[in-house]
Amino acid sequence: MCRLLLVHAPDGFDPTELFLSFSEICRKSRSVDGESQRDGWGIAWMRPENTWAVHKSLHPIWEDAATLTDAPRSRAYAIHARSASFDKDRREIAHNQPYVSG
């Protein structure tokens, strides 16, 4: 099962601690069927001009904590830690959300 974190951040909010906590939850968690969120992750943040910027990785989110916490300050974030449902879909960055539009 994948994990999602959606954040609407007030001005001046530093998401570092929240993002690190989320990555640690993903590292420790296992769904009922034993899956973990080791199949990559993605983050989207809202730019000041109201467009989305996206970063995706094939590494487990907890292994990329430095990249995750380097996301610029924003008023909105969407983070997806992936657990691939099928072995054939592992190592496919196209499947690493978040998918954002508009």
C-alpha atoms as a PDB file:
ATOM      1  CA  MET A   1       0.000   0.000   0.000  1.00  0.00           C
ATOM      2  CA  CYS A   2       1.336   3.424  -0.884  1.00  0.00           C
ATOM      3  CA  ARG A   3       1.494   6.289   1.587  1.00  0.00           C
ATOM      4  CA  LEU A   4       0.463   9.850   0.793  1.00  0.00           C
ATOM      5  CA  LEU A   5       1.093  13.092   2.635  1.00  0.00           C
ATOM      6  CA  LEU A   6      -0.778  16.232   1.601  1.00  0.00           C
ATOM      7  CA  VAL A   7       0.174  19.502   3.268  1.00  0.00           C
ATOM      8  CA  HIS A   8      -1.373  22.941   3.115  1.00  0.00           C
ATOM      9  CA  ALA A   9       1.296  25.038   4.794  1.00  0.00           C
ATOM     10  CA  PRO A  10       0.842  28.441   6.390  1.00  0.00           C
ATOM     11  CA  ASP A  11       3.375  31.198   5.652  1.00  0.00           C
ATOM     12  CA  GLY A  12       6.692  30.535   7.325  1.00  0.00           C
ATOM     13  CA  PHE A  13       6.009  26.840   7.973  1.00  0.00           C
ATOM     14  CA  ASP A  14       9.168  24.714   7.890  1.00  0.00           C
ATOM     15  CA  PRO A  15       8.158  21.220   6.700  1.00  0.00           C
ATOM     16  CA  THR A  16      11.501  19.556   7.495  1.00  0.00           C
ATOM     17  CA  GLU A  17      10.413  17.764  10.678  1.00  0.00           C
ATOM     18  CA  LEU A  18       7.111  16.667   9.156  1.00  0.00           C
ATOM     19  CA  PHE A  19       8.826  15.307   6.028  1.00  0.00           C
ATOM     20  CA  LEU A  20      11.424  13.422   8.077  1.00  0.00           C
ATOM     21  CA  SER A  21       8.681  11.955  10.276  1.00  0.00           C
ATOM     22  CA  PHE A  22       6.758  10.847   7.193  1.00  0.00           C
ATOM     23  CA  SER A  23       9.833   9.175   5.689  1.00  0.00           C
ATOM     24  CA  GLU A  24      10.473   7.370   8.980  1.00  0.00           C
ATOM     25  CA  ILE A  25       6.840   6.177   9.132  1.00  0.00           C
ATOM     26  CA  CYS A  26       7.288   4.809   5.618  1.00  0.00           C
ATOM     27  CA  ARG A  27      10.526   3.074   6.600  1.00  0.00           C
ATOM     28  CA  LYS A  28       8.880   1.365   9.580  1.00  0.00           C
ATOM     29  CA  SER A  29       5.453   0.598   8.182  1.00  0.00           C
ATOM     30  CA  ARG A  30       4.193  -2.559   6.566  1.00  0.00           C
ATOM     31  CA  SER A  31       0.735  -2.999   5.149  1.00  0.00           C
ATOM     32  CA  VAL A  32      -1.359  -6.036   5.990  1.00  0.00           C
ATOM     33  CA  ASP A  33       0.201  -8.055   3.170  1.00  0.00           C
ATOM     34  CA  GLY A  34       3.768  -7.170   4.171  1.00  0.00           C
ATOM     35  CA  GLU A  35       4.532  -4.516   1.556  1.00  0.00           C
ATOM     36  CA  SER A  36       6.732  -1.556   2.312  1.00  0.00           C
ATOM     37  CA  GLN A  37       7.126   1.777   0.583  1.00  0.00           C
ATOM     38  CA  ARG A  38      10.551   0.935  -0.862  1.00  0.00           C
ATOM     39  CA  ASP A  39       9.720   1.387  -4.553  1.00  0.00           C
ATOM     40  CA  GLY A  40      10.376   5.095  -4.897  1.00  0.00           C
ATOM     41  CA  TRP A  41       8.683   8.328  -4.063  1.00  0.00           C
ATOM     42  CA  GLY A  42       7.665  11.674  -5.465  1.00  0.00           C
ATOM     43  CA  ILE A  43       7.009  15.159  -4.190  1.00  0.00           C
ATOM     44  CA  ALA A  44       5.142  18.059  -5.760  1.00  0.00           C
ATOM     45  CA  TRP A  45       5.144  21.599  -4.420  1.00  0.00           C
ATOM     46  CA  MET A  46       3.230  24.668  -5.496  1.00  0.00           C
ATOM     47  CA  ARG A  47       5.392  27.397  -6.980  1.00  0.00           C
ATOM     48  CA  PRO A  48       4.625  31.074  -6.260  1.00  0.00           C
ATOM     49  CA  GLU A  49       3.155  31.421  -9.782  1.00  0.00           C
ATOM     50  CA  ASN A  50       0.602  28.648  -8.967  1.00  0.00           C
ATOM     51  CA  THR A  51       2.209  25.909 -11.028  1.00  0.00           C
ATOM     52  CA  TRP A  52       3.439  22.576  -9.694  1.00  0.00           C
ATOM     53  CA  ALA A  53       7.053  21.477  -9.561  1.00  0.00           C
ATOM     54  CA  VAL A  54       7.679  17.737  -9.234  1.00  0.00           C
ATOM     55  CA  HIS A  55      10.611  15.578  -8.166  1.00  0.00           C
ATOM     56  CA  LYS A  56      10.548  11.767  -8.405  1.00  0.00           C
ATOM     57  CA  SER A  57      13.013   9.127  -7.244  1.00  0.00           C
ATOM     58  CA  LEU A  58      13.373   5.358  -7.487  1.00  0.00           C
ATOM     59  CA  HIS A  59      15.051   5.185  -4.072  1.00  0.00           C
ATOM     60  CA  PRO A  60      13.091   4.502  -0.888  1.00  0.00           C
ATOM     61  CA  ILE A  61      11.950   7.814   0.565  1.00  0.00           C
ATOM     62  CA  TRP A  62      13.991   7.319   3.750  1.00  0.00           C
ATOM     63  CA  GLU A  63      17.178   6.903   1.706  1.00  0.00           C
ATOM     64  CA  ASP A  64      16.519  10.249  -0.009  1.00  0.00           C
ATOM     65  CA  ALA A  65      15.693  12.217   3.142  1.00  0.00           C
ATOM     66  CA  ALA A  66      18.189  14.959   2.236  1.00  0.00           C
ATOM     67  CA  THR A  67      16.536  15.460  -1.162  1.00  0.00           C
ATOM     68  CA  LEU A  68      13.071  15.374   0.386  1.00  0.00           C
ATOM     69  CA  THR A  69      13.923  18.051   2.935  1.00  0.00           C
ATOM     70  CA  ASP A  70      15.587  20.205   0.246  1.00  0.00           C
ATOM     71  CA  ALA A  71      12.190  20.919  -1.320  1.00  0.00           C
ATOM     72  CA  PRO A  72      11.657  24.679  -1.362  1.00  0.00           C
ATOM     73  CA  ARG A  73       9.246  26.372   0.999  1.00  0.00           C
ATOM     74  CA  SER A  74       5.746  26.254  -0.412  1.00  0.00           C
ATOM     75  CA  ARG A  75       2.132  26.666   0.606  1.00  0.00           C
ATOM     76  CA  ALA A  76       1.219  23.183  -0.651  1.00  0.00           C
ATOM     77  CA  TYR A  77       2.921  19.796  -0.944  1.00  0.00           C
ATOM     78  CA  ALA A  78       1.873  16.352  -2.138  1.00  0.00           C
ATOM     79  CA  ILE A  79       4.181  13.449  -1.317  1.00  0.00           C
ATOM     80  CA  HIS A  80       3.779   9.838  -2.441  1.00  0.00           C
ATOM     81  CA  ALA A  81       5.832   6.931  -1.073  1.00  0.00           C
ATOM     82  CA  ARG A  82       5.363   3.994  -3.398  1.00  0.00           C
ATOM     83  CA  SER A  83       4.795   0.315  -2.857  1.00  0.00           C
ATOM     84  CA  ALA A  84       4.619  -1.350  -6.279  1.00  0.00           C
ATOM     85  CA  SER A  85       1.743  -3.778  -6.662  1.00  0.00           C
ATOM     86  CA  PHE A  86       3.482  -5.897  -9.284  1.00  0.00           C
ATOM     87  CA  ASP A  87       7.142  -6.851  -9.659  1.00  0.00           C
ATOM     88  CA  LYS A  88       7.052  -5.890 -13.328  1.00  0.00           C
ATOM     89  CA  ASP A  89       6.239  -2.278 -12.329  1.00  0.00           C
ATOM     90  CA  ARG A  90       9.181  -1.853  -9.958  1.00  0.00           C
ATOM     91  CA  ARG A  91      11.958   0.468 -11.126  1.00  0.00           C
ATOM     92  CA  GLU A  92       9.491   2.441 -13.284  1.00  0.00           C
ATOM     93  CA  ILE A  93       9.767   6.108 -12.348  1.00  0.00           C
ATOM     94  CA  ALA A  94       6.705   6.948 -14.450  1.00  0.00           C
ATOM     95  CA  HIS A  95       4.604   5.212 -11.786  1.00  0.00           C
ATOM     96  CA  ASN A  96       5.992   7.357  -8.972  1.00  0.00           C
ATOM     97  CA  GLN A  97       3.386   9.936  -8.187  1.00  0.00           C
ATOM     98  CA  PRO A  98       2.297  12.505  -7.260  1.00  0.00           C
ATOM     99  CA  TYR A  99       0.425  13.226 -10.432  1.00  0.00           C
ATOM    100  CA  VAL A 100      -0.667  16.842 -10.416  1.00  0.00           C
ATOM    101  CA  SER A 101      -2.643  18.902 -12.856  1.00  0.00           C
ATOM    102  CA  GLY A 102      -3.905  22.433 -12.689  1.00  0.00           C
END
